[in-house]
C-alpha atoms as a PDB file:
ATOM      1  CA  MET A   1      16.539   8.182   7.953  1.00  0.00           C
ATOM      2  CA  LYS A   2      13.045   7.491   9.250  1.00  0.00           C
ATOM      3  CA  GLN A   3      12.858   4.711  11.842  1.00  0.00           C
ATOM      4  CA  PHE A   4       9.881   2.381  12.238  1.00  0.00           C
ATOM      5  CA  ALA A   5       8.533  -0.017  14.840  1.00  0.00           C
ATOM      6  CA  VAL A   6       6.139  -2.796  13.874  1.00  0.00           C
ATOM      7  CA  ILE A   7       4.167  -4.197  16.787  1.00  0.00           C
ATOM      8  CA  GLY A   8       2.404  -7.498  16.196  1.00  0.00           C
ATOM      9  CA  LEU A   9       3.989  -9.804  13.650  1.00  0.00           C
ATOM     10  CA  GLY A  10       1.033 -11.548  12.080  1.00  0.00           C
ATOM     11  CA  ARG A  11       0.670 -11.611   8.293  1.00  0.00           C
ATOM     12  CA  PHE A  12       0.002  -7.868   8.138  1.00  0.00           C
ATOM     13  CA  GLY A  13       2.813  -6.859  10.510  1.00  0.00           C
ATOM     14  CA  LEU A  14       5.386  -9.178   8.932  1.00  0.00           C
ATOM     15  CA  SER A  15       4.554  -7.884   5.460  1.00  0.00           C
ATOM     16  CA  VAL A  16       4.930  -4.258   6.553  1.00  0.00           C
ATOM     17  CA  ALA A  17       8.196  -4.984   8.387  1.00  0.00           C
ATOM     18  CA  ARG A  18       9.665  -6.851   5.432  1.00  0.00           C
ATOM     19  CA  ILE A  19       8.758  -4.195   2.854  1.00  0.00           C
ATOM     20  CA  LEU A  20      10.088  -1.335   4.997  1.00  0.00           C
ATOM     21  CA  SER A  21      13.320  -3.273   5.529  1.00  0.00           C
ATOM     22  CA  GLU A  22      13.677  -3.987   1.816  1.00  0.00           C
ATOM     23  CA  LYS A  23      13.370  -0.254   1.173  1.00  0.00           C
ATOM     24  CA  GLY A  24      16.350   0.342   3.447  1.00  0.00           C
ATOM     25  CA  TYR A  25      14.628   1.652   6.584  1.00  0.00           C
ATOM     26  CA  GLN A  26      15.522   0.714  10.143  1.00  0.00           C
ATOM     27  CA  VAL A  27      12.779  -1.474  11.587  1.00  0.00           C
ATOM     28  CA  LEU A  28      12.210  -2.583  15.170  1.00  0.00           C
ATOM     29  CA  ALA A  29       9.900  -5.635  15.113  1.00  0.00           C
ATOM     30  CA  ILE A  30       8.027  -6.615  18.296  1.00  0.00           C
ATOM     31  CA  ASP A  31       5.840  -9.582  19.206  1.00  0.00           C
ATOM     32  CA  ILE A  32       5.077 -11.744  22.232  1.00  0.00           C
ATOM     33  CA  LEU A  33       5.620 -14.980  20.267  1.00  0.00           C
ATOM     34  CA  ALA A  34       9.219 -16.177  19.941  1.00  0.00           C
ATOM     35  CA  GLU A  35       8.638 -17.853  16.563  1.00  0.00           C
ATOM     36  CA  LYS A  36       7.316 -14.624  15.053  1.00  0.00           C
ATOM     37  CA  VAL A  37      10.295 -12.692  16.393  1.00  0.00           C
ATOM     38  CA  GLN A  38      12.643 -15.312  14.978  1.00  0.00           C
ATOM     39  CA  GLU A  39      10.980 -15.084  11.571  1.00  0.00           C
ATOM     40  CA  ALA A  40      11.221 -11.286  11.458  1.00  0.00           C
ATOM     41  CA  SER A  41      14.845 -11.251  12.645  1.00  0.00           C
ATOM     42  CA  ALA A  42      15.955 -12.513   9.230  1.00  0.00           C
ATOM     43  CA  TYR A  43      15.352  -9.138   7.599  1.00  0.00           C
ATOM     44  CA  VAL A  44      14.644  -6.350  10.154  1.00  0.00           C
ATOM     45  CA  THR A  45      17.178  -4.236  12.033  1.00  0.00           C
ATOM     46  CA  GLN A  46      16.099  -5.601  15.419  1.00  0.00           C
ATOM     47  CA  ALA A  47      13.446  -8.094  16.499  1.00  0.00           C
ATOM     48  CA  VAL A  48      12.497  -8.493  20.165  1.00  0.00           C
ATOM     49  CA  GLN A  49      10.065 -10.596  22.178  1.00  0.00           C
ATOM     50  CA  VAL A  50       8.060  -8.200  24.333  1.00  0.00           C
ATOM     51  CA  GLU A  51       4.530  -8.045  25.721  1.00  0.00           C
ATOM     52  CA  VAL A  52       3.167  -5.186  23.629  1.00  0.00           C
ATOM     53  CA  THR A  53       1.086  -3.727  26.460  1.00  0.00           C
ATOM     54  CA  ASP A  54       4.088  -3.513  28.816  1.00  0.00           C
ATOM     55  CA  GLU A  55       5.126   0.153  28.606  1.00  0.00           C
ATOM     56  CA  LYS A  56       8.272  -0.345  30.687  1.00  0.00           C
ATOM     57  CA  ARG A  57       9.542  -3.136  28.411  1.00  0.00           C
ATOM     58  CA  LEU A  58       8.685  -1.163  25.291  1.00  0.00           C
ATOM     59  CA  ARG A  59      10.710   1.780  26.546  1.00  0.00           C
ATOM     60  CA  ALA A  60      13.565  -0.575  27.443  1.00  0.00           C
ATOM     61  CA  VAL A  61      13.932  -1.689  23.805  1.00  0.00           C
ATOM     62  CA  GLY A  62      14.111   1.934  22.646  1.00  0.00           C
ATOM     63  CA  ILE A  63      10.736   2.364  21.041  1.00  0.00           C
ATOM     64  CA  GLU A  64      10.631   6.051  21.971  1.00  0.00           C
ATOM     65  CA  HIS A  65      13.313   6.679  19.323  1.00  0.00           C
ATOM     66  CA  VAL A  66      11.199   5.586  16.336  1.00  0.00           C
ATOM     67  CA  ASP A  67       9.437   8.090  14.099  1.00  0.00           C
ATOM     68  CA  CYS A  68       6.482   5.870  13.263  1.00  0.00           C
ATOM     69  CA  ALA A  69       4.927   2.838  14.938  1.00  0.00           C
ATOM     70  CA  ILE A  70       2.651   0.384  13.144  1.00  0.00           C
ATOM     71  CA  VAL A  71       0.279  -1.573  15.370  1.00  0.00           C
ATOM     72  CA  GLY A  72      -0.664  -4.771  13.578  1.00  0.00           C
ATOM     73  CA  ILE A  73      -2.174  -6.652  16.522  1.00  0.00           C
ATOM     74  CA  GLY A  74      -5.334  -8.618  15.772  1.00  0.00           C
ATOM     75  CA  GLY A  75      -6.931  -8.486  19.241  1.00  0.00           C
ATOM     76  CA  LEU A  76      -9.115  -5.437  19.882  1.00  0.00           C
ATOM     77  CA  GLU A  77      -8.148  -4.833  23.503  1.00  0.00           C
ATOM     78  CA  ALA A  78      -4.418  -5.359  22.946  1.00  0.00           C
ATOM     79  CA  SER A  79      -4.311  -3.093  19.875  1.00  0.00           C
ATOM     80  CA  ILE A  80      -6.167  -0.319  21.714  1.00  0.00           C
ATOM     81  CA  LEU A  81      -3.875  -0.562  24.750  1.00  0.00           C
ATOM     82  CA  ALA A  82      -0.756  -0.632  22.567  1.00  0.00           C
ATOM     83  CA  THR A  83      -1.926   2.437  20.638  1.00  0.00           C
ATOM     84  CA  LEU A  84      -2.655   4.287  23.880  1.00  0.00           C
ATOM     85  CA  ILE A  85       0.775   3.400  25.313  1.00  0.00           C
ATOM     86  CA  LEU A  86       2.540   4.549  22.137  1.00  0.00           C
ATOM     87  CA  LYS A  87       0.663   7.852  22.331  1.00  0.00           C
ATOM     88  CA  ASP A  88       1.736   8.298  25.964  1.00  0.00           C
ATOM     89  CA  ILE A  89       5.346   7.488  25.065  1.00  0.00           C
ATOM     90  CA  GLY A  90       5.238  10.295  22.515  1.00  0.00           C
ATOM     91  CA  ILE A  91       5.414   8.531  19.153  1.00  0.00           C
ATOM     92  CA  ALA A  92       4.516  11.172  16.570  1.00  0.00           C
ATOM     93  CA  GLU A  93       3.007   8.860  13.959  1.00  0.00           C
ATOM     94  CA  ILE A  94       0.952   5.809  14.937  1.00  0.00           C
ATOM     95  CA  VAL A  95      -0.659   3.602  12.288  1.00  0.00           C
ATOM     96  CA  SER A  96      -3.055   1.053  13.763  1.00  0.00           C
ATOM     97  CA  LYS A  97      -4.854  -1.861  12.127  1.00  0.00           C
ATOM     98  CA  ALA A  98      -8.601  -2.091  12.746  1.00  0.00           C
ATOM     99  CA  VAL A  99     -11.005  -4.955  12.138  1.00  0.00           C
ATOM    100  CA  ASN A 100     -14.137  -2.825  11.824  1.00  0.00           C
ATOM    101  CA  SER A 101     -15.316   0.798  11.866  1.00  0.00           C
ATOM    102  CA  TYR A 102     -16.073   0.817  15.615  1.00  0.00           C
ATOM    103  CA  HIS A 103     -12.588  -0.482  16.377  1.00  0.00           C
ATOM    104  CA  GLY A 104     -11.178   2.207  14.087  1.00  0.00           C
ATOM    105  CA  LYS A 105     -13.061   4.990  15.896  1.00  0.00           C
ATOM    106  CA  VAL A 106     -11.703   3.856  19.249  1.00  0.00           C
ATOM    107  CA  LEU A 107      -8.145   3.651  17.896  1.00  0.00           C
ATOM    108  CA  ARG A 108      -8.364   7.221  16.627  1.00  0.00           C
ATOM    109  CA  LYS A 109      -9.675   8.450  19.968  1.00  0.00           C
ATOM    110  CA  VAL A 110      -6.810   6.849  21.914  1.00  0.00           C
ATOM    111  CA  GLY A 111      -4.059   8.181  19.677  1.00  0.00           C
ATOM    112  CA  ALA A 112      -3.794   6.568  16.248  1.00  0.00           C
ATOM    113  CA  THR A 113      -2.875   9.154  13.604  1.00  0.00           C
ATOM    114  CA  LYS A 114      -3.946   6.741  10.860  1.00  0.00           C
ATOM    115  CA  VAL A 115      -6.189   3.670  10.891  1.00  0.00           C
ATOM    116  CA  VAL A 116      -6.016   0.981   8.207  1.00  0.00           C
ATOM    117  CA  PHE A 117      -8.462  -1.821   7.391  1.00  0.00           C
ATOM    118  CA  PRO A 118      -6.376  -4.431   5.506  1.00  0.00           C
ATOM    119  CA  GLU A 119      -9.029  -7.166   5.506  1.00  0.00           C
ATOM    120  CA  ARG A 120     -11.766  -4.816   4.264  1.00  0.00           C
ATOM    121  CA  ASP A 121      -9.502  -3.218   1.660  1.00  0.00           C
ATOM    122  CA  MET A 122      -8.365  -6.602   0.365  1.00  0.00           C
ATOM    123  CA  GLY A 123     -11.982  -7.675   0.108  1.00  0.00           C
ATOM    124  CA  ILE A 124     -12.775  -4.596  -1.966  1.00  0.00           C
ATOM    125  CA  ARG A 125      -9.824  -5.261  -4.276  1.00  0.00           C
ATOM    126  CA  ILE A 126     -10.787  -8.891  -4.777  1.00  0.00           C
ATOM    127  CA  ALA A 127     -14.405  -7.952  -5.494  1.00  0.00           C
ATOM    128  CA  ASN A 128     -13.321  -5.297  -8.008  1.00  0.00           C
ATOM    129  CA  SER A 129     -11.018  -7.766  -9.763  1.00  0.00           C
ATOM    130  CA  LEU A 130     -13.858 -10.282 -10.057  1.00  0.00           C
ATOM    131  CA  VAL A 131     -16.399  -7.903 -11.564  1.00  0.00           C
ATOM    132  CA  SER A 132     -13.796  -5.928 -13.599  1.00  0.00           C
ATOM    133  CA  PRO A 133     -10.977  -8.304 -14.625  1.00  0.00           C
ATOM    134  CA  ARG A 134      -9.066  -5.496 -16.363  1.00  0.00           C
ATOM    135  CA  ILE A 135      -8.608  -3.622 -13.071  1.00  0.00           C
ATOM    136  CA  ILE A 136      -5.148  -4.293 -11.634  1.00  0.00           C
ATOM    137  CA  GLU A 137      -5.046  -1.946  -8.659  1.00  0.00           C
ATOM    138  CA  GLN A 138      -7.230   0.781  -7.201  1.00  0.00           C
ATOM    139  CA  ILE A 139      -6.445   3.467  -4.619  1.00  0.00           C
ATOM    140  CA  ASP A 140      -9.361   5.408  -3.172  1.00  0.00           C
ATOM    141  CA  LEU A 141      -8.393   9.071  -2.753  1.00  0.00           C
ATOM    142  CA  SER A 142     -11.793  10.020  -1.353  1.00  0.00           C
ATOM    143  CA  PRO A 143     -15.338   8.669  -1.497  1.00  0.00           C
ATOM    144  CA  ASN A 144     -15.626  10.122  -5.024  1.00  0.00           C
ATOM    145  CA  TYR A 145     -12.140   9.979  -6.582  1.00  0.00           C
ATOM    146  CA  SER A 146      -9.621   7.196  -7.235  1.00  0.00           C
ATOM    147  CA  ILE A 147      -6.325   6.331  -8.867  1.00  0.00           C
ATOM    148  CA  MET A 148      -6.510   3.097 -10.846  1.00  0.00           C
ATOM    149  CA  GLU A 149      -4.266   0.788 -12.846  1.00  0.00           C
ATOM    150  CA  ILE A 150      -6.227  -0.616 -15.765  1.00  0.00           C
ATOM    151  CA  LEU A 151      -5.415  -2.720 -18.806  1.00  0.00           C
ATOM    152  CA  THR A 152      -5.844  -0.659 -21.954  1.00  0.00           C
ATOM    153  CA  PRO A 153      -9.197  -1.174 -23.729  1.00  0.00           C
ATOM    154  CA  LYS A 154      -8.808  -2.928 -27.103  1.00  0.00           C
ATOM    155  CA  GLU A 155     -10.243   0.002 -29.042  1.00  0.00           C
ATOM    156  CA  PHE A 156      -7.471   2.276 -27.661  1.00  0.00           C
ATOM    157  CA  ILE A 157      -4.678   0.166 -29.191  1.00  0.00           C
ATOM    158  CA  GLY A 158      -2.865   1.870 -32.066  1.00  0.00           C
ATOM    159  CA  ASN A 159      -4.209   5.334 -31.222  1.00  0.00           C
ATOM    160  CA  SER A 160      -2.309   8.269 -29.768  1.00  0.00           C
ATOM    161  CA  LEU A 161      -3.470   9.965 -26.587  1.00  0.00           C
ATOM    162  CA  LYS A 162      -4.349  13.008 -28.682  1.00  0.00           C
ATOM    163  CA  GLN A 163      -6.637  10.904 -30.860  1.00  0.00           C
ATOM    164  CA  LEU A 164      -8.261   9.218 -27.861  1.00  0.00           C
ATOM    165  CA  GLU A 165      -9.108  12.484 -26.054  1.00  0.00           C
ATOM    166  CA  VAL A 166      -9.816  10.578 -22.840  1.00  0.00           C
ATOM    167  CA  ARG A 167      -9.980  13.759 -20.793  1.00  0.00           C
ATOM    168  CA  VAL A 168     -12.699  15.202 -23.012  1.00  0.00           C
ATOM    169  CA  LYS A 169     -14.619  11.952 -23.555  1.00  0.00           C
ATOM    170  CA  TYR A 170     -14.286  10.372 -20.127  1.00  0.00           C
ATOM    171  CA  GLY A 171     -13.163  13.131 -17.749  1.00  0.00           C
ATOM    172  CA  ILE A 172     -10.129  11.124 -16.579  1.00  0.00           C
ATOM    173  CA  THR A 173      -6.411  11.897 -16.745  1.00  0.00           C
ATOM    174  CA  ILE A 174      -3.720   9.370 -17.697  1.00  0.00           C
ATOM    175  CA  ILE A 175      -0.866  10.080 -15.289  1.00  0.00           C
ATOM    176  CA  ALA A 176       1.406   7.225 -16.396  1.00  0.00           C
ATOM    177  CA  ILE A 177       1.633   4.196 -18.678  1.00  0.00           C
ATOM    178  CA  ARG A 178       3.505   0.972 -17.904  1.00  0.00           C
ATOM    179  CA  ARG A 179       4.824  -1.061 -20.793  1.00  0.00           C
ATOM    180  CA  LYS A 180       6.939  -4.205 -21.126  1.00  0.00           C
ATOM    181  CA  GLU A 181       9.894  -3.523 -23.395  1.00  0.00           C
ATOM    182  CA  PRO A 182      12.337  -6.164 -24.685  1.00  0.00           C
ATOM    183  CA  ARG A 183      16.033  -5.346 -24.546  1.00  0.00           C
ATOM    184  CA  VAL A 184      19.413  -6.991 -24.968  1.00  0.00           C
ATOM    185  CA  THR A 185      21.841  -6.914 -22.049  1.00  0.00           C
ATOM    186  CA  GLU A 186      25.567  -6.212 -22.339  1.00  0.00           C
ATOM    187  CA  GLU A 187      26.085  -9.976 -22.156  1.00  0.00           C
ATOM    188  CA  GLY A 188      23.873 -10.411 -25.235  1.00  0.00           C
ATOM    189  CA  LYS A 189      20.953 -11.929 -23.359  1.00  0.00           C
ATOM    190  CA  SER A 190      17.352 -10.986 -24.116  1.00  0.00           C
ATOM    191  CA  GLU A 191      15.151  -9.739 -21.289  1.00  0.00           C
ATOM    192  CA  VAL A 192      11.942  -7.826 -20.744  1.00  0.00           C
ATOM    193  CA  LYS A 193      11.925  -4.687 -18.610  1.00  0.00           C
ATOM    194  CA  GLN A 194       9.034  -2.709 -17.185  1.00  0.00           C
ATOM    195  CA  ALA A 195       9.168   0.849 -18.542  1.00  0.00           C
ATOM    196  CA  VAL A 196       7.059   3.598 -16.988  1.00  0.00           C
ATOM    197  CA  ASN A 197       6.195   6.747 -18.906  1.00  0.00           C
ATOM    198  CA  ILE A 198       5.131   9.473 -16.456  1.00  0.00           C
ATOM    199  CA  LEU A 199       2.695  12.045 -17.867  1.00  0.00           C
ATOM    200  CA  PRO A 200       2.994  10.744 -21.446  1.00  0.00           C
ATOM    201  CA  GLU A 201       2.924  13.234 -24.319  1.00  0.00           C
ATOM    202  CA  ALA A 202      -0.085  13.633 -26.613  1.00  0.00           C
ATOM    203  CA  ASP A 203       1.657  11.748 -29.451  1.00  0.00           C
ATOM    204  CA  TYR A 204       2.198   8.641 -27.289  1.00  0.00           C
ATOM    205  CA  VAL A 205       0.695   5.659 -29.135  1.00  0.00           C
ATOM    206  CA  ILE A 206      -1.037   2.971 -27.079  1.00  0.00           C
ATOM    207  CA  LYS A 207       0.141  -0.611 -27.587  1.00  0.00           C
ATOM    208  CA  LYS A 208      -1.347  -3.975 -26.685  1.00  0.00           C
ATOM    209  CA  ASP A 209      -0.821  -4.924 -23.004  1.00  0.00           C
ATOM    210  CA  ASP A 210      -0.088  -1.320 -21.965  1.00  0.00           C
ATOM    211  CA  VAL A 211      -1.247  -0.575 -18.422  1.00  0.00           C
ATOM    212  CA  MET A 212      -2.725   2.873 -17.843  1.00  0.00           C
ATOM    213  CA  ILE A 213      -2.552   4.588 -14.468  1.00  0.00           C
ATOM    214  CA  ILE A 214      -5.492   6.968 -14.408  1.00  0.00           C
ATOM    215  CA  ILE A 215      -7.034   9.452 -11.991  1.00  0.00           C
ATOM    216  CA  GLY A 216     -10.556  10.754 -11.966  1.00  0.00           C
ATOM    217  CA  SER A 217     -13.972  10.637 -10.377  1.00  0.00           C
ATOM    218  CA  ASN A 218     -15.371   7.184  -9.696  1.00  0.00           C
ATOM    219  CA  LYS A 219     -18.312   7.987 -11.951  1.00  0.00           C
ATOM    220  CA  ASP A 220     -16.037   8.796 -14.909  1.00  0.00           C
ATOM    221  CA  ILE A 221     -13.782   5.807 -14.229  1.00  0.00           C
ATOM    222  CA  GLU A 222     -16.818   3.509 -14.253  1.00  0.00           C
ATOM    223  CA  ARG A 223     -17.658   4.716 -17.785  1.00  0.00           C
ATOM    224  CA  LEU A 224     -14.124   3.915 -18.953  1.00  0.00           C
ATOM    225  CA  LYS A 225     -14.202   0.470 -17.305  1.00  0.00           C
ATOM    226  CA  LYS A 226     -17.093  -0.507 -19.563  1.00  0.00           C
ATOM    227  CA  LYS A 227     -14.818  -0.248 -22.593  1.00  0.00           C
ATOM    228  CA  ARG A 228     -13.561  -3.612 -23.870  1.00  0.00           C
END
């Protein structure tokens, strides 16, 4: 099983460590602050208090055995030094958090295999949700293409995918549809479950509150977003 190290336990680092742990992966959490280490220790495999730019101490806690290290440090100098040290140690996959494009360029040059911009990306998501309330989530595949979760336009409700012809009319592909479905448990209790239909058939009929997961060019997606 893949092993991870999360260095820097701020909001970003703690979130990554917790989610990886919940998915069943072994996680080594590292921070200089005792309270952060204590907080992470409740759910990670191991949490240690270490100065993240101290290569000797990092080796002592076994960081060379992880497959991927996530650098979530907020300070520019510390994150660059930590990334460089991890590269020297021989970590194959290093994901480093950047605060701006210049910071990201430096991180790549010193060894980061992937750079993420959580503050910028969250800002984009919030802005999109404000101007397009029906947009639930958006993943940018490239500057021109995206995957998006979108509430079904009202005029789609009651029509089959064959009738809608979204690929012909809008140039997008529906790769999945999420729907809330009521059910009765073995104990006789009523509950609502999220059902996901991957690559739905042409005779699939759209219902109210369905969520479509679509893929396409940003230009074509923008045309669909204008539907009410």
